[in-house]
PDB file of N, CA and C in Angstrom:
ATOM      1  N   MET A   1      -1.419 -15.944  -6.209  1.00  0.00           N
ATOM      2  CA  MET A   1      -1.472 -14.496  -6.233  1.00  0.00           C
ATOM      3  C   MET A   1      -0.343 -13.957  -5.351  1.00  0.00           C
ATOM      4  N   SER A   2       0.301 -12.899  -5.810  1.00  0.00           N
ATOM      5  CA  SER A   2       1.389 -12.277  -5.053  1.00  0.00           C
ATOM      6  C   SER A   2       0.862 -11.124  -4.196  1.00  0.00           C
ATOM      7  N   THR A   3       1.739 -10.605  -3.369  1.00  0.00           N
ATOM      8  CA  THR A   3       1.407  -9.433  -2.562  1.00  0.00           C
ATOM      9  C   THR A   3       1.243  -8.230  -3.485  1.00  0.00           C
ATOM     10  N   LYS A   4       0.244  -7.412  -3.194  1.00  0.00           N
ATOM     11  CA  LYS A   4       0.000  -6.207  -3.995  1.00  0.00           C
ATOM     12  C   LYS A   4       0.039  -4.987  -3.082  1.00  0.00           C
ATOM     13  N   LEU A   5       0.633  -3.934  -3.588  1.00  0.00           N
ATOM     14  CA  LEU A   5       0.635  -2.655  -2.886  1.00  0.00           C
ATOM     15  C   LEU A   5      -0.238  -1.693  -3.660  1.00  0.00           C
ATOM     16  N   HIS A   6      -1.357  -1.302  -3.077  1.00  0.00           N
ATOM     17  CA  HIS A   6      -2.268  -0.340  -3.686  1.00  0.00           C
ATOM     18  C   HIS A   6      -1.841   1.056  -3.235  1.00  0.00           C
ATOM     19  N   THR A   7      -1.531   1.903  -4.200  1.00  0.00           N
ATOM     20  CA  THR A   7      -1.091   3.270  -3.904  1.00  0.00           C
ATOM     21  C   THR A   7      -1.870   4.249  -4.766  1.00  0.00           C
ATOM     22  N   CYS A   8      -1.708   5.520  -4.455  1.00  0.00           N
ATOM     23  CA  CYS A   8      -2.336   6.561  -5.266  1.00  0.00           C
ATOM     24  C   CYS A   8      -1.529   6.750  -6.553  1.00  0.00           C
ATOM     25  N   GLY A   9      -2.081   7.497  -7.465  1.00  0.00           N
ATOM     26  CA  GLY A   9      -1.415   7.758  -8.731  1.00  0.00           C
ATOM     27  C   GLY A   9      -0.235   8.698  -8.632  1.00  0.00           C
ATOM     28  N   ALA A  10      -0.014   9.274  -7.467  1.00  0.00           N
ATOM     29  CA  ALA A  10       1.086  10.214  -7.289  1.00  0.00           C
ATOM     30  C   ALA A  10       2.309   9.556  -6.649  1.00  0.00           C
ATOM     31  N   SER A  11       2.441   8.267  -6.808  1.00  0.00           N
ATOM     32  CA  SER A  11       3.579   7.561  -6.210  1.00  0.00           C
ATOM     33  C   SER A  11       4.897   7.917  -6.858  1.00  0.00           C
ATOM     34  N   TRP A  12       4.850   8.614  -7.963  1.00  0.00           N
ATOM     35  CA  TRP A  12       6.078   9.113  -8.584  1.00  0.00           C
ATOM     36  C   TRP A  12       6.731  10.170  -7.701  1.00  0.00           C
ATOM     37  N   LEU A  13       5.965  10.745  -6.776  1.00  0.00           N
ATOM     38  CA  LEU A  13       6.479  11.755  -5.851  1.00  0.00           C
ATOM     39  C   LEU A  13       7.219  11.036  -4.726  1.00  0.00           C
ATOM     40  N   LYS A  14       8.496  10.876  -4.886  1.00  0.00           N
ATOM     41  CA  LYS A  14       9.299  10.059  -3.978  1.00  0.00           C
ATOM     42  C   LYS A  14       9.943  10.917  -2.891  1.00  0.00           C
ATOM     43  N   ILE A  15       9.089  11.325  -1.948  1.00  0.00           N
ATOM     44  CA  ILE A  15       9.563  12.080  -0.785  1.00  0.00           C
ATOM     45  C   ILE A  15       9.064  11.367   0.469  1.00  0.00           C
ATOM     46  N   ASP A  16       9.789  11.522   1.559  1.00  0.00           N
ATOM     47  CA  ASP A  16       9.440  10.805   2.783  1.00  0.00           C
ATOM     48  C   ASP A  16       8.123  11.252   3.404  1.00  0.00           C
ATOM     49  N   ALA A  17       7.580  12.373   2.979  1.00  0.00           N
ATOM     50  CA  ALA A  17       6.288  12.836   3.498  1.00  0.00           C
ATOM     51  C   ALA A  17       5.118  12.155   2.793  1.00  0.00           C
ATOM     52  N   HIS A  18       5.396  11.388   1.757  1.00  0.00           N
ATOM     53  CA  HIS A  18       4.340  10.730   0.981  1.00  0.00           C
ATOM     54  C   HIS A  18       4.163   9.300   1.474  1.00  0.00           C
ATOM     55  N   PRO A  19       3.033   8.975   2.124  1.00  0.00           N
ATOM     56  CA  PRO A  19       2.854   7.658   2.734  1.00  0.00           C
ATOM     57  C   PRO A  19       2.932   6.499   1.738  1.00  0.00           C
ATOM     58  N   CYS A  20       2.394   6.676   0.547  1.00  0.00           N
ATOM     59  CA  CYS A  20       2.454   5.589  -0.439  1.00  0.00           C
ATOM     60  C   CYS A  20       3.907   5.268  -0.793  1.00  0.00           C
ATOM     61  N   TRP A  21       4.713   6.314  -0.983  1.00  0.00           N
ATOM     62  CA  TRP A  21       6.116   6.097  -1.329  1.00  0.00           C
ATOM     63  C   TRP A  21       6.882   5.469  -0.179  1.00  0.00           C
ATOM     64  N   THR A  22       6.638   5.887   1.063  1.00  0.00           N
ATOM     65  CA  THR A  22       7.419   5.353   2.175  1.00  0.00           C
ATOM     66  C   THR A  22       7.157   3.853   2.362  1.00  0.00           C
ATOM     67  N   VAL A  23       5.917   3.424   2.143  1.00  0.00           N
ATOM     68  CA  VAL A  23       5.604   1.995   2.245  1.00  0.00           C
ATOM     69  C   VAL A  23       6.249   1.239   1.080  1.00  0.00           C
ATOM     70  N   GLU A  24       6.170   1.801  -0.115  1.00  0.00           N
ATOM     71  CA  GLU A  24       6.796   1.162  -1.282  1.00  0.00           C
ATOM     72  C   GLU A  24       8.308   1.054  -1.075  1.00  0.00           C
ATOM     73  N   LYS A  25       8.901   2.103  -0.553  1.00  0.00           N
ATOM     74  CA  LYS A  25      10.342   2.121  -0.286  1.00  0.00           C
ATOM     75  C   LYS A  25      10.714   1.028   0.721  1.00  0.00           C
ATOM     76  N   ALA A  26       9.913   0.866   1.768  1.00  0.00           N
ATOM     77  CA  ALA A  26      10.179  -0.161   2.774  1.00  0.00           C
ATOM     78  C   ALA A  26      10.102  -1.559   2.163  1.00  0.00           C
ATOM     79  N   LEU A  27       9.126  -1.793   1.300  1.00  0.00           N
ATOM     80  CA  LEU A  27       9.026  -3.088   0.620  1.00  0.00           C
ATOM     81  C   LEU A  27      10.261  -3.329  -0.245  1.00  0.00           C
ATOM     82  N   ASN A  28      10.690  -2.306  -0.964  1.00  0.00           N
ATOM     83  CA  ASN A  28      11.875  -2.430  -1.819  1.00  0.00           C
ATOM     84  C   ASN A  28      13.118  -2.719  -0.989  1.00  0.00           C
ATOM     85  N   GLU A  29      13.295  -1.989   0.093  1.00  0.00           N
ATOM     86  CA  GLU A  29      14.477  -2.171   0.938  1.00  0.00           C
ATOM     87  C   GLU A  29      14.510  -3.554   1.582  1.00  0.00           C
ATOM     88  N   ARG A  30      13.346  -4.096   1.887  1.00  0.00           N
ATOM     89  CA  ARG A  30      13.255  -5.430   2.501  1.00  0.00           C
ATOM     90  C   ARG A  30      13.385  -6.532   1.452  1.00  0.00           C
ATOM     91  N   GLY A  31      13.230  -6.175   0.177  1.00  0.00           N
ATOM     92  CA  GLY A  31      13.326  -7.166  -0.896  1.00  0.00           C
ATOM     93  C   GLY A  31      12.067  -7.984  -1.083  1.00  0.00           C
ATOM     94  N   VAL A  32      10.938  -7.422  -0.684  1.00  0.00           N
ATOM     95  CA  VAL A  32       9.654  -8.114  -0.813  1.00  0.00           C
ATOM     96  C   VAL A  32       9.198  -8.056  -2.265  1.00  0.00           C
ATOM     97  N   ASP A  33       8.802  -9.189  -2.802  1.00  0.00           N
ATOM     98  CA  ASP A  33       8.268  -9.254  -4.156  1.00  0.00           C
ATOM     99  C   ASP A  33       6.804  -8.822  -4.098  1.00  0.00           C
ATOM    100  N   TYR A  34       6.460  -7.786  -4.824  1.00  0.00           N
ATOM    101  CA  TYR A  34       5.092  -7.268  -4.794  1.00  0.00           C
ATOM    102  C   TYR A  34       4.735  -6.695  -6.161  1.00  0.00           C
ATOM    103  N   GLU A  35       3.453  -6.539  -6.356  1.00  0.00           N
ATOM    104  CA  GLU A  35       2.931  -5.894  -7.566  1.00  0.00           C
ATOM    105  C   GLU A  35       2.375  -4.539  -7.160  1.00  0.00           C
ATOM    106  N   ALA A  36       2.793  -3.487  -7.842  1.00  0.00           N
ATOM    107  CA  ALA A  36       2.281  -2.148  -7.560  1.00  0.00           C
ATOM    108  C   ALA A  36       0.982  -1.939  -8.327  1.00  0.00           C
ATOM    109  N   VAL A  37      -0.061  -1.554  -7.613  1.00  0.00           N
ATOM    110  CA  VAL A  37      -1.359  -1.264  -8.211  1.00  0.00           C
ATOM    111  C   VAL A  37      -1.639   0.210  -7.963  1.00  0.00           C
ATOM    112  N   ARG A  38      -1.587   1.001  -9.014  1.00  0.00           N
ATOM    113  CA  ARG A  38      -1.801   2.440  -8.888  1.00  0.00           C
ATOM    114  C   ARG A  38      -3.295   2.744  -9.008  1.00  0.00           C
ATOM    115  N   GLY A  39      -3.798   3.432  -8.014  1.00  0.00           N
ATOM    116  CA  GLY A  39      -5.201   3.818  -8.014  1.00  0.00           C
ATOM    117  C   GLY A  39      -5.352   5.299  -8.262  1.00  0.00           C
ATOM    118  N   PRO A  40      -6.576   5.778  -8.265  1.00  0.00           N
ATOM    119  CA  PRO A  40      -6.803   7.211  -8.463  1.00  0.00           C
ATOM    120  C   PRO A  40      -6.351   8.015  -7.242  1.00  0.00           C
ATOM    121  N   THR A  41      -5.757   9.166  -7.516  1.00  0.00           N
ATOM    122  CA  THR A  41      -5.336  10.040  -6.427  1.00  0.00           C
ATOM    123  C   THR A  41      -6.544  10.792  -5.885  1.00  0.00           C
ATOM    124  N   TYR A  42      -7.229  11.488  -6.752  1.00  0.00           N
ATOM    125  CA  TYR A  42      -8.441  12.230  -6.375  1.00  0.00           C
ATOM    126  C   TYR A  42      -9.464  12.114  -7.475  1.00  0.00           C
ATOM    127  N   PRO A  43     -10.716  12.192  -7.196  1.00  0.00           N
ATOM    128  CA  PRO A  43     -11.312  12.231  -5.870  1.00  0.00           C
ATOM    129  C   PRO A  43     -11.274  10.848  -5.223  1.00  0.00           C
ATOM    130  N   ARG A  44     -11.247  10.846  -3.934  1.00  0.00           N
ATOM    131  CA  ARG A  44     -11.194   9.577  -3.202  1.00  0.00           C
ATOM    132  C   ARG A  44     -12.429   8.723  -3.447  1.00  0.00           C
ATOM    133  N   SER A  45     -13.497   9.332  -3.862  1.00  0.00           N
ATOM    134  CA  SER A  45     -14.730   8.578  -4.132  1.00  0.00           C
ATOM    135  C   SER A  45     -14.541   7.575  -5.266  1.00  0.00           C
ATOM    136  N   ARG A  46     -13.478   7.716  -6.048  1.00  0.00           N
ATOM    137  CA  ARG A  46     -13.199   6.776  -7.136  1.00  0.00           C
ATOM    138  C   ARG A  46     -12.477   5.521  -6.651  1.00  0.00           C
ATOM    139  N   ARG A  47     -12.190   5.449  -5.384  1.00  0.00           N
ATOM    140  CA  ARG A  47     -11.474   4.296  -4.821  1.00  0.00           C
ATOM    141  C   ARG A  47     -12.463   3.243  -4.317  1.00  0.00           C
ATOM    142  N   LYS A  48     -13.309   2.772  -5.204  1.00  0.00           N
ATOM    143  CA  LYS A  48     -14.377   1.830  -4.837  1.00  0.00           C
ATOM    144  C   LYS A  48     -13.839   0.505  -4.314  1.00  0.00           C
ATOM    145  N   ALA A  49     -12.834  -0.070  -4.975  1.00  0.00           N
ATOM    146  CA  ALA A  49     -12.296  -1.364  -4.546  1.00  0.00           C
ATOM    147  C   ALA A  49     -11.661  -1.254  -3.165  1.00  0.00           C
ATOM    148  N   ILE A  50     -10.964  -0.154  -2.926  1.00  0.00           N
ATOM    149  CA  ILE A  50     -10.336   0.046  -1.618  1.00  0.00           C
ATOM    150  C   ILE A  50     -11.407   0.118  -0.536  1.00  0.00           C
ATOM    151  N   GLU A  51     -12.446   0.896  -0.800  1.00  0.00           N
ATOM    152  CA  GLU A  51     -13.531   1.041   0.176  1.00  0.00           C
ATOM    153  C   GLU A  51     -14.251  -0.293   0.400  1.00  0.00           C
ATOM    154  N   GLU A  52     -14.452  -1.035  -0.660  1.00  0.00           N
ATOM    155  CA  GLU A  52     -15.149  -2.315  -0.557  1.00  0.00           C
ATOM    156  C   GLU A  52     -14.400  -3.296   0.350  1.00  0.00           C
ATOM    157  N   HIS A  53     -13.072  -3.281   0.289  1.00  0.00           N
ATOM    158  CA  HIS A  53     -12.291  -4.259   1.041  1.00  0.00           C
ATOM    159  C   HIS A  53     -11.798  -3.763   2.399  1.00  0.00           C
ATOM    160  N   THR A  54     -11.749  -2.437   2.603  1.00  0.00           N
ATOM    161  CA  THR A  54     -11.199  -1.917   3.860  1.00  0.00           C
ATOM    162  C   THR A  54     -12.173  -1.027   4.627  1.00  0.00           C
ATOM    163  N   ASN A  55     -13.318  -0.721   4.033  1.00  0.00           N
ATOM    164  CA  ASN A  55     -14.311   0.177   4.631  1.00  0.00           C
ATOM    165  C   ASN A  55     -13.806   1.599   4.796  1.00  0.00           C
ATOM    166  N   GLN A  56     -12.809   1.968   4.013  1.00  0.00           N
ATOM    167  CA  GLN A  56     -12.317   3.343   3.976  1.00  0.00           C
ATOM    168  C   GLN A  56     -11.688   3.593   2.616  1.00  0.00           C
ATOM    169  N   ARG A  57     -11.339   4.833   2.353  1.00  0.00           N
ATOM    170  CA  ARG A  57     -10.815   5.210   1.040  1.00  0.00           C
ATOM    171  C   ARG A  57      -9.353   5.633   1.064  1.00  0.00           C
ATOM    172  N   LEU A  58      -8.680   5.397   2.169  1.00  0.00           N
ATOM    173  CA  LEU A  58      -7.308   5.858   2.323  1.00  0.00           C
ATOM    174  C   LEU A  58      -6.312   4.856   1.747  1.00  0.00           C
ATOM    175  N   LEU A  59      -5.184   5.364   1.313  1.00  0.00           N
ATOM    176  CA  LEU A  59      -4.092   4.563   0.778  1.00  0.00           C
ATOM    177  C   LEU A  59      -2.839   4.892   1.572  1.00  0.00           C
ATOM    178  N   PRO A  60      -1.856   4.040   1.584  1.00  0.00           N
ATOM    179  CA  PRO A  60      -1.674   2.785   0.863  1.00  0.00           C
ATOM    180  C   PRO A  60      -2.377   1.622   1.554  1.00  0.00           C
ATOM    181  N   VAL A  61      -2.558   0.556   0.769  1.00  0.00           N
ATOM    182  CA  VAL A  61      -3.157  -0.687   1.239  1.00  0.00           C
ATOM    183  C   VAL A  61      -2.292  -1.825   0.733  1.00  0.00           C
ATOM    184  N   ILE A  62      -2.044  -2.794   1.585  1.00  0.00           N
ATOM    185  CA  ILE A  62      -1.339  -4.005   1.170  1.00  0.00           C
ATOM    186  C   ILE A  62      -2.361  -5.124   1.069  1.00  0.00           C
ATOM    187  N   GLU A  63      -2.371  -5.787  -0.086  1.00  0.00           N
ATOM    188  CA  GLU A  63      -3.218  -6.955  -0.302  1.00  0.00           C
ATOM    189  C   GLU A  63      -2.289  -8.166  -0.283  1.00  0.00           C
ATOM    190  N   THR A  64      -2.507  -9.051   0.669  1.00  0.00           N
ATOM    191  CA  THR A  64      -1.613 -10.196   0.828  1.00  0.00           C
ATOM    192  C   THR A  64      -1.948 -11.297  -0.181  1.00  0.00           C
ATOM    193  N   ALA A  65      -1.063 -12.268  -0.260  1.00  0.00           N
ATOM    194  CA  ALA A  65      -1.233 -13.377  -1.195  1.00  0.00           C
ATOM    195  C   ALA A  65      -2.501 -14.173  -0.914  1.00  0.00           C
ATOM    196  N   ASP A  66      -2.966 -14.174   0.339  1.00  0.00           N
ATOM    197  CA  ASP A  66      -4.187 -14.922   0.656  1.00  0.00           C
ATOM    198  C   ASP A  66      -5.461 -14.087   0.465  1.00  0.00           C
ATOM    199  N   GLY A  67      -5.319 -12.862  -0.054  1.00  0.00           N
ATOM    200  CA  GLY A  67      -6.476 -12.025  -0.357  1.00  0.00           C
ATOM    201  C   GLY A  67      -6.895 -11.077   0.754  1.00  0.00           C
ATOM    202  N   THR A  68      -6.129 -10.994   1.835  1.00  0.00           N
ATOM    203  CA  THR A  68      -6.426 -10.073   2.928  1.00  0.00           C
ATOM    204  C   THR A  68      -5.952  -8.674   2.552  1.00  0.00           C
ATOM    205  N   TRP A  69      -6.804  -7.689   2.784  1.00  0.00           N
ATOM    206  CA  TRP A  69      -6.468  -6.288   2.514  1.00  0.00           C
ATOM    207  C   TRP A  69      -6.138  -5.623   3.838  1.00  0.00           C
ATOM    208  N   ILE A  70      -4.975  -4.989   3.930  1.00  0.00           N
ATOM    209  CA  ILE A  70      -4.521  -4.368   5.168  1.00  0.00           C
ATOM    210  C   ILE A  70      -4.353  -2.875   4.947  1.00  0.00           C
ATOM    211  N   ARG A  71      -5.148  -2.096   5.658  1.00  0.00           N
ATOM    212  CA  ARG A  71      -5.057  -0.634   5.596  1.00  0.00           C
ATOM    213  C   ARG A  71      -4.770  -0.123   6.996  1.00  0.00           C
ATOM    214  N   GLU A  72      -3.563   0.372   7.182  1.00  0.00           N
ATOM    215  CA  GLU A  72      -3.151   0.968   8.446  1.00  0.00           C
ATOM    216  C   GLU A  72      -2.319   2.191   8.130  1.00  0.00           C
ATOM    217  N   ASP A  73      -2.012   2.963   9.143  1.00  0.00           N
ATOM    218  CA  ASP A  73      -1.126   4.098   8.983  1.00  0.00           C
ATOM    219  C   ASP A  73       0.181   3.611   8.357  1.00  0.00           C
ATOM    220  N   SER A  74       0.782   4.417   7.507  1.00  0.00           N
ATOM    221  CA  SER A  74       2.001   3.993   6.802  1.00  0.00           C
ATOM    222  C   SER A  74       3.112   3.602   7.775  1.00  0.00           C
ATOM    223  N   LYS A  75       3.226   4.274   8.901  1.00  0.00           N
ATOM    224  CA  LYS A  75       4.267   3.924   9.872  1.00  0.00           C
ATOM    225  C   LYS A  75       4.052   2.531  10.440  1.00  0.00           C
ATOM    226  N   VAL A  76       2.801   2.160  10.658  1.00  0.00           N
ATOM    227  CA  VAL A  76       2.483   0.819  11.155  1.00  0.00           C
ATOM    228  C   VAL A  76       2.780  -0.214  10.070  1.00  0.00           C
ATOM    229  N   LEU A  77       2.403   0.074   8.843  1.00  0.00           N
ATOM    230  CA  LEU A  77       2.703  -0.849   7.742  1.00  0.00           C
ATOM    231  C   LEU A  77       4.207  -1.049   7.597  1.00  0.00           C
ATOM    232  N   ILE A  78       4.971   0.027   7.713  1.00  0.00           N
ATOM    233  CA  ILE A  78       6.431  -0.073   7.594  1.00  0.00           C
ATOM    234  C   ILE A  78       7.004  -0.943   8.718  1.00  0.00           C
ATOM    235  N   GLU A  79       6.492  -0.794   9.931  1.00  0.00           N
ATOM    236  CA  GLU A  79       6.929  -1.641  11.038  1.00  0.00           C
ATOM    237  C   GLU A  79       6.658  -3.103  10.732  1.00  0.00           C
ATOM    238  N   ARG A  80       5.480  -3.393  10.205  1.00  0.00           N
ATOM    239  CA  ARG A  80       5.118  -4.770   9.877  1.00  0.00           C
ATOM    240  C   ARG A  80       6.006  -5.309   8.758  1.00  0.00           C
ATOM    241  N   ILE A  81       6.309  -4.466   7.782  1.00  0.00           N
ATOM    242  CA  ILE A  81       7.208  -4.862   6.690  1.00  0.00           C
ATOM    243  C   ILE A  81       8.586  -5.191   7.259  1.00  0.00           C
ATOM    244  N   ASN A  82       9.097  -4.335   8.132  1.00  0.00           N
ATOM    245  CA  ASN A  82      10.435  -4.506   8.681  1.00  0.00           C
ATOM    246  C   ASN A  82      10.558  -5.719   9.605  1.00  0.00           C
ATOM    247  N   THR A  83       9.459  -6.198  10.142  1.00  0.00           N
ATOM    248  CA  THR A  83       9.499  -7.425  10.968  1.00  0.00           C
ATOM    249  C   THR A  83       9.438  -8.676  10.109  1.00  0.00           C
ATOM    250  N   GLY A  84       9.283  -8.503   8.793  1.00  0.00           N
ATOM    251  CA  GLY A  84       9.279  -9.651   7.888  1.00  0.00           C
ATOM    252  C   GLY A  84       7.915 -10.261   7.647  1.00  0.00           C
ATOM    253  N   GLU A  85       6.867  -9.568   8.037  1.00  0.00           N
ATOM    254  CA  GLU A  85       5.521 -10.126   7.904  1.00  0.00           C
ATOM    255  C   GLU A  85       5.111 -10.389   6.443  1.00  0.00           C
ATOM    256  N   PHE A  86       5.668  -9.636   5.513  1.00  0.00           N
ATOM    257  CA  PHE A  86       5.268  -9.776   4.105  1.00  0.00           C
ATOM    258  C   PHE A  86       6.337 -10.447   3.235  1.00  0.00           C
ATOM    259  N   ASP A  87       7.366 -11.032   3.875  1.00  0.00           N
ATOM    260  CA  ASP A  87       8.422 -11.707   3.121  1.00  0.00           C
ATOM    261  C   ASP A  87       7.894 -12.963   2.446  1.00  0.00           C
TER     262      ASP A  87
END
């Protein structure tokens, strides 16, 4: 299984204020091979899989190759991406 990036359905909105896009952009810039998984934008109650694995409904979430789901603030995820944690 490869790394997966779970984002909202509004990831087409490519602005730096959008957390899903900024994490996706960081993965792209680092050259990380990942699969984009688009989830529902609203209502957040439809994000059952995200809640099941992270105990919250917020996005973005990175699912690693070993099946670990990581949900942190986008700035923290970007720092982890830039250190090579997901290479």
